PDB file of N, CA and C in Angstrom:
ATOM      1  N   MET A   1    -124.170 -36.912 127.326  1.00  0.00           N
ATOM      2  CA  MET A   1    -124.040 -38.066 128.187  1.00  0.00           C
ATOM      3  C   MET A   1    -123.171 -37.714 129.390  1.00  0.00           C
ATOM      4  N   ILE A   2    -123.506 -38.228 130.527  1.00  0.00           N
ATOM      5  CA  ILE A   2    -122.797 -37.941 131.754  1.00  0.00           C
ATOM      6  C   ILE A   2    -121.507 -38.752 131.792  1.00  0.00           C
ATOM      7  N   ASN A   3    -120.408 -38.096 132.112  1.00  0.00           N
ATOM      8  CA  ASN A   3    -119.143 -38.779 132.275  1.00  0.00           C
ATOM      9  C   ASN A   3    -119.005 -39.191 133.734  1.00  0.00           C
ATOM     10  N   PHE A   4    -119.647 -40.298 134.108  1.00  0.00           N
ATOM     11  CA  PHE A   4    -119.677 -40.729 135.493  1.00  0.00           C
ATOM     12  C   PHE A   4    -118.301 -41.134 136.004  1.00  0.00           C
ATOM     13  N   ASN A   5    -117.438 -41.663 135.156  1.00  0.00           N
ATOM     14  CA  ASN A   5    -116.102 -42.037 135.620  1.00  0.00           C
ATOM     15  C   ASN A   5    -115.366 -40.823 136.164  1.00  0.00           C
ATOM     16  N   LYS A   6    -115.406 -39.729 135.419  1.00  0.00           N
ATOM     17  CA  LYS A   6    -114.727 -38.515 135.839  1.00  0.00           C
ATOM     18  C   LYS A   6    -115.371 -37.951 137.097  1.00  0.00           C
ATOM     19  N   ILE A   7    -116.682 -37.887 137.119  1.00  0.00           N
ATOM     20  CA  ILE A   7    -117.407 -37.329 138.254  1.00  0.00           C
ATOM     21  C   ILE A   7    -117.238 -38.207 139.489  1.00  0.00           C
ATOM     22  N   PHE A   8    -117.297 -39.510 139.331  1.00  0.00           N
ATOM     23  CA  PHE A   8    -117.231 -40.428 140.468  1.00  0.00           C
ATOM     24  C   PHE A   8    -115.871 -40.376 141.155  1.00  0.00           C
ATOM     25  N   TYR A   9    -114.793 -40.309 140.403  1.00  0.00           N
ATOM     26  CA  TYR A   9    -113.459 -40.343 140.986  1.00  0.00           C
ATOM     27  C   TYR A   9    -112.957 -38.983 141.451  1.00  0.00           C
ATOM     28  N   PHE A  10    -113.672 -37.925 141.147  1.00  0.00           N
ATOM     29  CA  PHE A  10    -113.267 -36.589 141.546  1.00  0.00           C
ATOM     30  C   PHE A  10    -113.040 -36.454 143.050  1.00  0.00           C
ATOM     31  N   PRO A  11    -113.980 -36.875 143.907  1.00  0.00           N
ATOM     32  CA  PRO A  11    -113.750 -36.719 145.351  1.00  0.00           C
ATOM     33  C   PRO A  11    -112.473 -37.408 145.829  1.00  0.00           C
ATOM     34  N   ILE A  12    -112.162 -38.546 145.268  1.00  0.00           N
ATOM     35  CA  ILE A  12    -110.959 -39.278 145.665  1.00  0.00           C
ATOM     36  C   ILE A  12    -109.717 -38.489 145.289  1.00  0.00           C
ATOM     37  N   LEU A  13    -109.700 -37.914 144.084  1.00  0.00           N
ATOM     38  CA  LEU A  13    -108.551 -37.118 143.651  1.00  0.00           C
ATOM     39  C   LEU A  13    -108.362 -35.894 144.525  1.00  0.00           C
ATOM     40  N   ILE A  14    -109.446 -35.237 144.851  1.00  0.00           N
ATOM     41  CA  ILE A  14    -109.360 -34.042 145.682  1.00  0.00           C
ATOM     42  C   ILE A  14    -108.897 -34.398 147.084  1.00  0.00           C
ATOM     43  N   LEU A  15    -109.414 -35.480 147.646  1.00  0.00           N
ATOM     44  CA  LEU A  15    -109.001 -35.889 148.988  1.00  0.00           C
ATOM     45  C   LEU A  15    -107.496 -36.135 149.043  1.00  0.00           C
ATOM     46  N   LEU A  16    -106.969 -36.779 148.028  1.00  0.00           N
ATOM     47  CA  LEU A  16    -105.536 -37.027 147.988  1.00  0.00           C
ATOM     48  C   LEU A  16    -104.752 -35.736 147.822  1.00  0.00           C
ATOM     49  N   SER A  17    -105.282 -34.799 147.065  1.00  0.00           N
ATOM     50  CA  SER A  17    -104.607 -33.522 146.848  1.00  0.00           C
ATOM     51  C   SER A  17    -104.496 -32.716 148.123  1.00  0.00           C
ATOM     52  N   ILE A  18    -105.498 -32.773 148.960  1.00  0.00           N
ATOM     53  CA  ILE A  18    -105.503 -31.971 150.179  1.00  0.00           C
ATOM     54  C   ILE A  18    -104.386 -32.399 151.125  1.00  0.00           C
ATOM     55  N   VAL A  19    -103.991 -33.641 151.082  1.00  0.00           N
ATOM     56  CA  VAL A  19    -102.914 -34.112 151.948  1.00  0.00           C
ATOM     57  C   VAL A  19    -101.663 -33.261 151.745  1.00  0.00           C
ATOM     58  N   PHE A  20    -101.434 -32.801 150.533  1.00  0.00           N
ATOM     59  CA  PHE A  20    -100.252 -32.007 150.237  1.00  0.00           C
ATOM     60  C   PHE A  20    -100.360 -30.577 150.748  1.00  0.00           C
ATOM     61  N   LEU A  21    -101.519 -30.184 151.232  1.00  0.00           N
ATOM     62  CA  LEU A  21    -101.710 -28.829 151.735  1.00  0.00           C
ATOM     63  C   LEU A  21    -101.381 -28.712 153.214  1.00  0.00           C
ATOM     64  N   ALA A  22    -100.951 -29.762 153.836  1.00  0.00           N
ATOM     65  CA  ALA A  22    -100.715 -29.778 155.283  1.00  0.00           C
ATOM     66  C   ALA A  22     -99.647 -28.782 155.713  1.00  0.00           C
ATOM     67  N   GLY A  23     -98.792 -28.359 154.815  1.00  0.00           N
ATOM     68  CA  GLY A  23     -97.715 -27.453 155.191  1.00  0.00           C
ATOM     69  C   GLY A  23     -98.065 -25.994 155.046  1.00  0.00           C
ATOM     70  N   CYS A  24     -99.318 -25.661 154.922  1.00  0.00           N
ATOM     71  CA  CYS A  24     -99.711 -24.268 154.741  1.00  0.00           C
ATOM     72  C   CYS A  24     -99.426 -23.448 155.993  1.00  0.00           C
ATOM     73  N   GLY A  25     -99.416 -22.138 155.829  1.00  0.00           N
ATOM     74  CA  GLY A  25     -99.123 -21.222 156.929  1.00  0.00           C
ATOM     75  C   GLY A  25    -100.186 -21.209 157.999  1.00  0.00           C
ATOM     76  N   GLU A  26     -99.783 -20.827 159.209  1.00  0.00           N
ATOM     77  CA  GLU A  26    -100.669 -20.881 160.361  1.00  0.00           C
ATOM     78  C   GLU A  26    -101.802 -19.872 160.313  1.00  0.00           C
ATOM     79  N   ASP A  27    -101.612 -18.729 159.697  1.00  0.00           N
ATOM     80  CA  ASP A  27    -102.621 -17.681 159.720  1.00  0.00           C
ATOM     81  C   ASP A  27    -103.597 -17.751 158.558  1.00  0.00           C
ATOM     82  N   GLU A  28    -103.441 -18.715 157.722  1.00  0.00           N
ATOM     83  CA  GLU A  28    -104.291 -18.826 156.539  1.00  0.00           C
ATOM     84  C   GLU A  28    -105.589 -19.555 156.850  1.00  0.00           C
ATOM     85  N   GLU A  29    -106.617 -19.233 156.098  1.00  0.00           N
ATOM     86  CA  GLU A  29    -107.887 -19.955 156.172  1.00  0.00           C
ATOM     87  C   GLU A  29    -107.941 -20.891 154.993  1.00  0.00           C
ATOM     88  N   PRO A  30    -108.612 -21.976 155.038  1.00  0.00           N
ATOM     89  CA  PRO A  30    -109.316 -22.571 156.161  1.00  0.00           C
ATOM     90  C   PRO A  30    -108.354 -23.219 157.142  1.00  0.00           C
ATOM     91  N   SER A  31    -108.866 -23.627 158.283  1.00  0.00           N
ATOM     92  CA  SER A  31    -108.019 -24.197 159.323  1.00  0.00           C
ATOM     93  C   SER A  31    -107.360 -25.494 158.876  1.00  0.00           C
ATOM     94  N   GLY A  32    -107.918 -26.171 157.905  1.00  0.00           N
ATOM     95  CA  GLY A  32    -107.343 -27.412 157.395  1.00  0.00           C
ATOM     96  C   GLY A  32    -105.975 -27.234 156.780  1.00  0.00           C
ATOM     97  N   CYS A  33    -105.594 -25.997 156.470  1.00  0.00           N
ATOM     98  CA  CYS A  33    -104.257 -25.740 155.941  1.00  0.00           C
ATOM     99  C   CYS A  33    -103.188 -26.064 156.973  1.00  0.00           C
ATOM    100  N   ASN A  34    -103.531 -26.011 158.232  1.00  0.00           N
ATOM    101  CA  ASN A  34    -102.559 -26.164 159.298  1.00  0.00           C
ATOM    102  C   ASN A  34    -102.289 -27.601 159.694  1.00  0.00           C
ATOM    103  N   SER A  35    -103.110 -28.525 159.258  1.00  0.00           N
ATOM    104  CA  SER A  35    -102.943 -29.905 159.702  1.00  0.00           C
ATOM    105  C   SER A  35    -103.596 -30.859 158.717  1.00  0.00           C
ATOM    106  N   LEU A  36    -103.428 -32.127 158.995  1.00  0.00           N
ATOM    107  CA  LEU A  36    -104.096 -33.135 158.177  1.00  0.00           C
ATOM    108  C   LEU A  36    -105.526 -33.357 158.642  1.00  0.00           C
ATOM    109  N   ASN A  37    -105.985 -32.579 159.607  1.00  0.00           N
ATOM    110  CA  ASN A  37    -107.342 -32.718 160.127  1.00  0.00           C
ATOM    111  C   ASN A  37    -108.335 -31.890 159.304  1.00  0.00           C
ATOM    112  N   TRP A  38    -108.107 -31.780 158.027  1.00  0.00           N
ATOM    113  CA  TRP A  38    -108.989 -31.011 157.145  1.00  0.00           C
ATOM    114  C   TRP A  38    -110.370 -31.632 157.040  1.00  0.00           C
ATOM    115  N   THR A  39    -110.485 -32.914 157.335  1.00  0.00           N
ATOM    116  CA  THR A  39    -111.797 -33.561 157.235  1.00  0.00           C
ATOM    117  C   THR A  39    -112.794 -32.963 158.210  1.00  0.00           C
ATOM    118  N   ALA A  40    -112.314 -32.401 159.318  1.00  0.00           N
ATOM    119  CA  ALA A  40    -113.226 -31.746 160.268  1.00  0.00           C
ATOM    120  C   ALA A  40    -113.882 -30.543 159.617  1.00  0.00           C
ATOM    121  N   ASP A  41    -113.122 -29.804 158.816  1.00  0.00           N
ATOM    122  CA  ASP A  41    -113.673 -28.647 158.112  1.00  0.00           C
ATOM    123  C   ASP A  41    -114.704 -29.056 157.070  1.00  0.00           C
ATOM    124  N   LEU A  42    -114.526 -30.215 156.493  1.00  0.00           N
ATOM    125  CA  LEU A  42    -115.374 -30.669 155.387  1.00  0.00           C
ATOM    126  C   LEU A  42    -116.346 -31.770 155.804  1.00  0.00           C
ATOM    127  N   ASN A  43    -116.522 -31.967 157.094  1.00  0.00           N
ATOM    128  CA  ASN A  43    -117.329 -33.075 157.588  1.00  0.00           C
ATOM    129  C   ASN A  43    -118.749 -33.078 157.024  1.00  0.00           C
ATOM    130  N   ASP A  44    -119.426 -31.935 157.056  1.00  0.00           N
ATOM    131  CA  ASP A  44    -120.806 -31.888 156.552  1.00  0.00           C
ATOM    132  C   ASP A  44    -120.875 -32.236 155.076  1.00  0.00           C
ATOM    133  N   GLU A  45    -119.949 -31.679 154.298  1.00  0.00           N
ATOM    134  CA  GLU A  45    -119.942 -31.940 152.859  1.00  0.00           C
ATOM    135  C   GLU A  45    -119.610 -33.397 152.562  1.00  0.00           C
ATOM    136  N   LEU A  46    -118.653 -33.955 153.304  1.00  0.00           N
ATOM    137  CA  LEU A  46    -118.283 -35.356 153.092  1.00  0.00           C
ATOM    138  C   LEU A  46    -119.403 -36.314 153.484  1.00  0.00           C
ATOM    139  N   THR A  47    -120.124 -35.992 154.551  1.00  0.00           N
ATOM    140  CA  THR A  47    -121.250 -36.823 154.965  1.00  0.00           C
ATOM    141  C   THR A  47    -122.350 -36.794 153.909  1.00  0.00           C
ATOM    142  N   ALA A  48    -122.680 -35.599 153.443  1.00  0.00           N
ATOM    143  CA  ALA A  48    -123.715 -35.462 152.404  1.00  0.00           C
ATOM    144  C   ALA A  48    -123.288 -36.169 151.117  1.00  0.00           C
ATOM    145  N   LEU A  49    -122.019 -36.054 150.773  1.00  0.00           N
ATOM    146  CA  LEU A  49    -121.515 -36.696 149.562  1.00  0.00           C
ATOM    147  C   LEU A  49    -121.549 -38.212 149.695  1.00  0.00           C
ATOM    148  N   SER A  50    -121.150 -38.717 150.827  1.00  0.00           N
ATOM    149  CA  SER A  50    -121.181 -40.163 151.064  1.00  0.00           C
ATOM    150  C   SER A  50    -122.601 -40.709 150.957  1.00  0.00           C
ATOM    151  N   THR A  51    -123.545 -40.002 151.546  1.00  0.00           N
ATOM    152  CA  THR A  51    -124.947 -40.413 151.481  1.00  0.00           C
ATOM    153  C   THR A  51    -125.451 -40.392 150.039  1.00  0.00           C
ATOM    154  N   ALA A  52    -125.113 -39.321 149.312  1.00  0.00           N
ATOM    155  CA  ALA A  52    -125.562 -39.195 147.928  1.00  0.00           C
ATOM    156  C   ALA A  52    -124.965 -40.279 147.040  1.00  0.00           C
ATOM    157  N   ILE A  53    -123.684 -40.601 147.261  1.00  0.00           N
ATOM    158  CA  ILE A  53    -123.034 -41.659 146.485  1.00  0.00           C
ATOM    159  C   ILE A  53    -123.726 -43.000 146.756  1.00  0.00           C
ATOM    160  N   SER A  54    -123.995 -43.267 148.013  1.00  0.00           N
ATOM    161  CA  SER A  54    -124.651 -44.519 148.391  1.00  0.00           C
ATOM    162  C   SER A  54    -126.050 -44.616 147.773  1.00  0.00           C
ATOM    163  N   ASN A  55    -126.822 -43.550 147.894  1.00  0.00           N
ATOM    164  CA  ASN A  55    -128.185 -43.539 147.336  1.00  0.00           C
ATOM    165  C   ASN A  55    -128.174 -43.726 145.827  1.00  0.00           C
ATOM    166  N   PHE A  56    -127.265 -43.027 145.161  1.00  0.00           N
ATOM    167  CA  PHE A  56    -127.198 -43.134 143.707  1.00  0.00           C
ATOM    168  C   PHE A  56    -126.719 -44.523 143.284  1.00  0.00           C
ATOM    169  N   GLY A  57    -125.769 -45.080 144.025  1.00  0.00           N
ATOM    170  CA  GLY A  57    -125.276 -46.424 143.717  1.00  0.00           C
ATOM    171  C   GLY A  57    -126.352 -47.485 143.874  1.00  0.00           C
ATOM    172  N   GLN A  58    -127.214 -47.320 144.880  1.00  0.00           N
ATOM    173  CA  GLN A  58    -128.275 -48.287 145.123  1.00  0.00           C
ATOM    174  C   GLN A  58    -129.436 -48.116 144.162  1.00  0.00           C
ATOM    175  N   GLU A  59    -129.708 -46.878 143.807  1.00  0.00           N
ATOM    176  CA  GLU A  59    -130.837 -46.608 142.916  1.00  0.00           C
ATOM    177  C   GLU A  59    -130.482 -45.443 141.983  1.00  0.00           C
ATOM    178  N   PRO A  60    -129.871 -45.757 140.831  1.00  0.00           N
ATOM    179  CA  PRO A  60    -129.426 -44.709 139.913  1.00  0.00           C
ATOM    180  C   PRO A  60    -130.576 -44.105 139.101  1.00  0.00           C
ATOM    181  N   ASN A  61    -131.301 -43.205 139.744  1.00  0.00           N
ATOM    182  CA  ASN A  61    -132.393 -42.517 139.051  1.00  0.00           C
ATOM    183  C   ASN A  61    -132.103 -41.019 138.991  1.00  0.00           C
ATOM    184  N   GLU A  62    -132.968 -40.283 138.340  1.00  0.00           N
ATOM    185  CA  GLU A  62    -132.737 -38.855 138.129  1.00  0.00           C
ATOM    186  C   GLU A  62    -132.667 -38.078 139.440  1.00  0.00           C
ATOM    187  N   ALA A  63    -133.541 -38.369 140.373  1.00  0.00           N
ATOM    188  CA  ALA A  63    -133.545 -37.651 141.658  1.00  0.00           C
ATOM    189  C   ALA A  63    -132.248 -37.892 142.426  1.00  0.00           C
ATOM    190  N   ASN A  64    -131.805 -39.138 142.487  1.00  0.00           N
ATOM    191  CA  ASN A  64    -130.561 -39.445 143.191  1.00  0.00           C
ATOM    192  C   ASN A  64    -129.345 -38.881 142.458  1.00  0.00           C
ATOM    193  N   CYS A  65    -129.405 -38.859 141.156  1.00  0.00           N
ATOM    194  CA  CYS A  65    -128.333 -38.257 140.360  1.00  0.00           C
ATOM    195  C   CYS A  65    -128.230 -36.765 140.673  1.00  0.00           C
ATOM    196  N   ASN A  66    -129.371 -36.081 140.723  1.00  0.00           N
ATOM    197  CA  ASN A  66    -129.363 -34.654 141.040  1.00  0.00           C
ATOM    198  C   ASN A  66    -128.857 -34.403 142.456  1.00  0.00           C
ATOM    199  N   SER A  67    -129.213 -35.253 143.392  1.00  0.00           N
ATOM    200  CA  SER A  67    -128.714 -35.128 144.765  1.00  0.00           C
ATOM    201  C   SER A  67    -127.199 -35.332 144.806  1.00  0.00           C
ATOM    202  N   TYR A  68    -126.735 -36.295 144.053  1.00  0.00           N
ATOM    203  CA  TYR A  68    -125.295 -36.572 143.961  1.00  0.00           C
ATOM    204  C   TYR A  68    -124.571 -35.369 143.371  1.00  0.00           C
ATOM    205  N   ARG A  69    -125.116 -34.829 142.296  1.00  0.00           N
ATOM    206  CA  ARG A  69    -124.524 -33.660 141.644  1.00  0.00           C
ATOM    207  C   ARG A  69    -124.466 -32.473 142.606  1.00  0.00           C
ATOM    208  N   GLN A  70    -125.542 -32.233 143.334  1.00  0.00           N
ATOM    209  CA  GLN A  70    -125.578 -31.122 144.288  1.00  0.00           C
ATOM    210  C   GLN A  70    -124.573 -31.337 145.425  1.00  0.00           C
ATOM    211  N   ALA A  71    -124.440 -32.559 145.893  1.00  0.00           N
ATOM    212  CA  ALA A  71    -123.475 -32.858 146.951  1.00  0.00           C
ATOM    213  C   ALA A  71    -122.046 -32.639 146.460  1.00  0.00           C
ATOM    214  N   LEU A  72    -121.775 -33.027 145.216  1.00  0.00           N
ATOM    215  CA  LEU A  72    -120.454 -32.792 144.648  1.00  0.00           C
ATOM    216  C   LEU A  72    -120.182 -31.299 144.481  1.00  0.00           C
ATOM    217  N   LEU A  73    -121.172 -30.548 144.039  1.00  0.00           N
ATOM    218  CA  LEU A  73    -121.004 -29.090 143.905  1.00  0.00           C
ATOM    219  C   LEU A  73    -120.719 -28.447 145.260  1.00  0.00           C
ATOM    220  N   ALA A  74    -121.423 -28.877 146.283  1.00  0.00           N
ATOM    221  CA  ALA A  74    -121.185 -28.339 147.628  1.00  0.00           C
ATOM    222  C   ALA A  74    -119.770 -28.680 148.092  1.00  0.00           C
ATOM    223  N   TYR A  75    -119.319 -29.878 147.771  1.00  0.00           N
ATOM    224  CA  TYR A  75    -117.972 -30.307 148.140  1.00  0.00           C
ATOM    225  C   TYR A  75    -116.917 -29.478 147.407  1.00  0.00           C
ATOM    226  N   VAL A  76    -117.111 -29.278 146.123  1.00  0.00           N
ATOM    227  CA  VAL A  76    -116.179 -28.465 145.335  1.00  0.00           C
ATOM    228  C   VAL A  76    -116.115 -27.046 145.905  1.00  0.00           C
ATOM    229  N   ASN A  77    -117.259 -26.483 146.213  1.00  0.00           N
ATOM    230  CA  ASN A  77    -117.280 -25.127 146.766  1.00  0.00           C
ATOM    231  C   ASN A  77    -116.590 -25.064 148.127  1.00  0.00           C
ATOM    232  N   ALA A  78    -116.725 -26.101 148.924  1.00  0.00           N
ATOM    233  CA  ALA A  78    -116.058 -26.146 150.225  1.00  0.00           C
ATOM    234  C   ALA A  78    -114.541 -26.294 150.071  1.00  0.00           C
ATOM    235  N   LEU A  79    -114.101 -26.898 148.975  1.00  0.00           N
ATOM    236  CA  LEU A  79    -112.671 -27.073 148.729  1.00  0.00           C
ATOM    237  C   LEU A  79    -111.995 -25.811 148.196  1.00  0.00           C
ATOM    238  N   ARG A  80    -112.749 -24.929 147.581  1.00  0.00           N
ATOM    239  CA  ARG A  80    -112.181 -23.733 146.966  1.00  0.00           C
ATOM    240  C   ARG A  80    -111.211 -22.960 147.863  1.00  0.00           C
ATOM    241  N   PRO A  81    -111.552 -22.702 149.131  1.00  0.00           N
ATOM    242  CA  PRO A  81    -110.639 -21.923 149.981  1.00  0.00           C
ATOM    243  C   PRO A  81    -109.266 -22.564 150.187  1.00  0.00           C
ATOM    244  N   TYR A  82    -109.149 -23.868 150.011  1.00  0.00           N
ATOM    245  CA  TYR A  82    -107.868 -24.534 150.204  1.00  0.00           C
ATOM    246  C   TYR A  82    -106.849 -24.104 149.145  1.00  0.00           C
ATOM    247  N   GLY A  83    -107.302 -23.516 148.080  1.00  0.00           N
ATOM    248  CA  GLY A  83    -106.393 -22.968 147.077  1.00  0.00           C
ATOM    249  C   GLY A  83    -105.629 -21.768 147.583  1.00  0.00           C
ATOM    250  N   ASN A  84    -106.052 -21.197 148.719  1.00  0.00           N
ATOM    251  CA  ASN A  84    -105.377 -20.041 149.299  1.00  0.00           C
ATOM    252  C   ASN A  84    -104.318 -20.417 150.329  1.00  0.00           C
ATOM    253  N   CYS A  85    -104.088 -21.688 150.546  1.00  0.00           N
ATOM    254  CA  CYS A  85    -103.065 -22.110 151.497  1.00  0.00           C
ATOM    255  C   CYS A  85    -101.688 -21.656 151.011  1.00  0.00           C
ATOM    256  N   GLN A  86    -100.867 -21.216 151.932  1.00  0.00           N
ATOM    257  CA  GLN A  86     -99.528 -20.729 151.575  1.00  0.00           C
ATOM    258  C   GLN A  86     -98.661 -21.824 150.971  1.00  0.00           C
ATOM    259  N   GLY A  87     -98.895 -23.062 151.355  1.00  0.00           N
ATOM    260  CA  GLY A  87     -98.099 -24.158 150.833  1.00  0.00           C
ATOM    261  C   GLY A  87     -98.422 -24.519 149.395  1.00  0.00           C
ATOM    262  N   LEU A  88     -99.498 -23.983 148.883  1.00  0.00           N
ATOM    263  CA  LEU A  88     -99.899 -24.251 147.500  1.00  0.00           C
ATOM    264  C   LEU A  88     -99.479 -23.040 146.668  1.00  0.00           C
ATOM    265  N   THR A  89     -98.375 -23.167 145.966  1.00  0.00           N
ATOM    266  CA  THR A  89     -97.821 -22.035 145.237  1.00  0.00           C
ATOM    267  C   THR A  89     -97.548 -22.390 143.788  1.00  0.00           C
ATOM    268  N   GLY A  90     -97.281 -21.363 143.016  1.00  0.00           N
ATOM    269  CA  GLY A  90     -96.848 -21.527 141.632  1.00  0.00           C
ATOM    270  C   GLY A  90     -97.772 -22.388 140.802  1.00  0.00           C
ATOM    271  N   GLN A  91     -97.170 -23.327 140.080  1.00  0.00           N
ATOM    272  CA  GLN A  91     -97.912 -24.190 139.178  1.00  0.00           C
ATOM    273  C   GLN A  91     -98.902 -25.069 139.926  1.00  0.00           C
ATOM    274  N   ASN A  92     -98.572 -25.471 141.148  1.00  0.00           N
ATOM    275  CA  ASN A  92     -99.501 -26.284 141.937  1.00  0.00           C
ATOM    276  C   ASN A  92    -100.789 -25.519 142.214  1.00  0.00           C
ATOM    277  N   ARG A  93    -100.689 -24.239 142.518  1.00  0.00           N
ATOM    278  CA  ARG A  93    -101.888 -23.426 142.763  1.00  0.00           C
ATOM    279  C   ARG A  93    -102.691 -23.274 141.471  1.00  0.00           C
ATOM    280  N   VAL A  94    -102.001 -23.069 140.370  1.00  0.00           N
ATOM    281  CA  VAL A  94    -102.678 -22.953 139.072  1.00  0.00           C
ATOM    282  C   VAL A  94    -103.424 -24.241 138.752  1.00  0.00           C
ATOM    283  N   GLU A  95    -102.766 -25.368 138.954  1.00  0.00           N
ATOM    284  CA  GLU A  95    -103.394 -26.666 138.683  1.00  0.00           C
ATOM    285  C   GLU A  95    -104.575 -26.912 139.615  1.00  0.00           C
ATOM    286  N   TRP A  96    -104.442 -26.539 140.893  1.00  0.00           N
ATOM    287  CA  TRP A  96    -105.544 -26.675 141.852  1.00  0.00           C
ATOM    288  C   TRP A  96    -106.765 -25.904 141.353  1.00  0.00           C
ATOM    289  N   GLN A  97    -106.557 -24.642 141.010  1.00  0.00           N
ATOM    290  CA  GLN A  97    -107.665 -23.802 140.567  1.00  0.00           C
ATOM    291  C   GLN A  97    -108.278 -24.351 139.282  1.00  0.00           C
ATOM    292  N   LYS A  98    -107.430 -24.816 138.377  1.00  0.00           N
ATOM    293  CA  LYS A  98    -107.912 -25.382 137.123  1.00  0.00           C
ATOM    294  C   LYS A  98    -108.777 -26.611 137.384  1.00  0.00           C
ATOM    295  N   LEU A  99    -108.330 -27.478 138.276  1.00  0.00           N
ATOM    296  CA  LEU A  99    -109.074 -28.687 138.613  1.00  0.00           C
ATOM    297  C   LEU A  99    -110.425 -28.344 139.229  1.00  0.00           C
ATOM    298  N   ILE A 100    -110.442 -27.428 140.183  1.00  0.00           N
ATOM    299  CA  ILE A 100    -111.686 -27.022 140.832  1.00  0.00           C
ATOM    300  C   ILE A 100    -112.642 -26.421 139.806  1.00  0.00           C
ATOM    301  N   ASP A 101    -112.152 -25.507 138.982  1.00  0.00           N
ATOM    302  CA  ASP A 101    -112.996 -24.858 137.967  1.00  0.00           C
ATOM    303  C   ASP A 101    -113.541 -25.861 136.961  1.00  0.00           C
ATOM    304  N   GLU A 102    -112.691 -26.788 136.533  1.00  0.00           N
ATOM    305  CA  GLU A 102    -113.090 -27.791 135.551  1.00  0.00           C
ATOM    306  C   GLU A 102    -114.212 -28.685 136.078  1.00  0.00           C
ATOM    307  N   TYR A 103    -114.064 -29.148 137.305  1.00  0.00           N
ATOM    308  CA  TYR A 103    -115.093 -30.015 137.864  1.00  0.00           C
ATOM    309  C   TYR A 103    -116.378 -29.260 138.159  1.00  0.00           C
ATOM    310  N   GLU A 104    -116.265 -28.014 138.577  1.00  0.00           N
ATOM    311  CA  GLU A 104    -117.474 -27.230 138.798  1.00  0.00           C
ATOM    312  C   GLU A 104    -118.227 -27.047 137.476  1.00  0.00           C
ATOM    313  N   GLU A 105    -117.500 -26.762 136.422  1.00  0.00           N
ATOM    314  CA  GLU A 105    -118.119 -26.614 135.103  1.00  0.00           C
ATOM    315  C   GLU A 105    -118.769 -27.926 134.654  1.00  0.00           C
ATOM    316  N   ASP A 106    -118.056 -29.044 134.821  1.00  0.00           N
ATOM    317  CA  ASP A 106    -118.615 -30.353 134.459  1.00  0.00           C
ATOM    318  C   ASP A 106    -119.885 -30.651 135.237  1.00  0.00           C
ATOM    319  N   LEU A 107    -119.875 -30.351 136.528  1.00  0.00           N
ATOM    320  CA  LEU A 107    -121.044 -30.622 137.360  1.00  0.00           C
ATOM    321  C   LEU A 107    -122.216 -29.727 136.979  1.00  0.00           C
ATOM    322  N   ASN A 108    -121.938 -28.486 136.639  1.00  0.00           N
ATOM    323  CA  ASN A 108    -123.011 -27.584 136.211  1.00  0.00           C
ATOM    324  C   ASN A 108    -123.628 -28.011 134.888  1.00  0.00           C
ATOM    325  N   GLU A 109    -122.841 -28.687 134.057  1.00  0.00           N
ATOM    326  CA  GLU A 109    -123.331 -29.154 132.763  1.00  0.00           C
ATOM    327  C   GLU A 109    -123.952 -30.553 132.840  1.00  0.00           C
ATOM    328  N   MET A 110    -123.785 -31.208 133.948  1.00  0.00           N
ATOM    329  CA  MET A 110    -124.287 -32.577 134.109  1.00  0.00           C
ATOM    330  C   MET A 110    -125.813 -32.599 134.016  1.00  0.00           C
ATOM    331  N   ASP A 111    -126.315 -33.486 133.155  1.00  0.00           N
ATOM    332  CA  ASP A 111    -127.758 -33.588 132.940  1.00  0.00           C
ATOM    333  C   ASP A 111    -128.210 -34.972 133.392  1.00  0.00           C
ATOM    334  N   CYS A 112    -128.903 -35.002 134.501  1.00  0.00           N
ATOM    335  CA  CYS A 112    -129.353 -36.275 135.058  1.00  0.00           C
ATOM    336  C   CYS A 112    -130.607 -36.812 134.378  1.00  0.00           C
ATOM    337  N   SER A 113    -131.184 -36.059 133.486  1.00  0.00           N
ATOM    338  CA  SER A 113    -132.380 -36.529 132.805  1.00  0.00           C
ATOM    339  C   SER A 113    -132.077 -37.654 131.811  1.00  0.00           C
ATOM    340  N   ASP A 114    -130.785 -37.917 131.548  1.00  0.00           N
ATOM    341  CA  ASP A 114    -130.399 -38.994 130.649  1.00  0.00           C
ATOM    342  C   ASP A 114    -130.651 -40.379 131.239  1.00  0.00           C
ATOM    343  N   LEU A 115    -130.911 -40.433 132.534  1.00  0.00           N
ATOM    344  CA  LEU A 115    -131.091 -41.728 133.193  1.00  0.00           C
ATOM    345  C   LEU A 115    -132.458 -42.300 132.946  1.00  0.00           C
TER     346      LEU A 115
END
């Protein structure tokens, strides 16, 4: 069975987490490490995710579920480089990586055929 509560709230948790990365070093990639303007780096992924969430919310079928899952996977993959920000160190970096890996695994195991 799909754990939609966990999957649905994931983008919100990640968005809040990125705010804490604003203090990263200037020479690090991605550019979002340098400012709170990280949404510019993730604009395509956020747009696709927003569309997928809306489509799935309006019509929760297998095709829309798969689109939602793919949009979330693309978003998770786009977030991965933020784990390399200099401001994310020690246990915070470990927790970041754990969170990203956990959600990627959950999304890969998500079966939309249950709908």
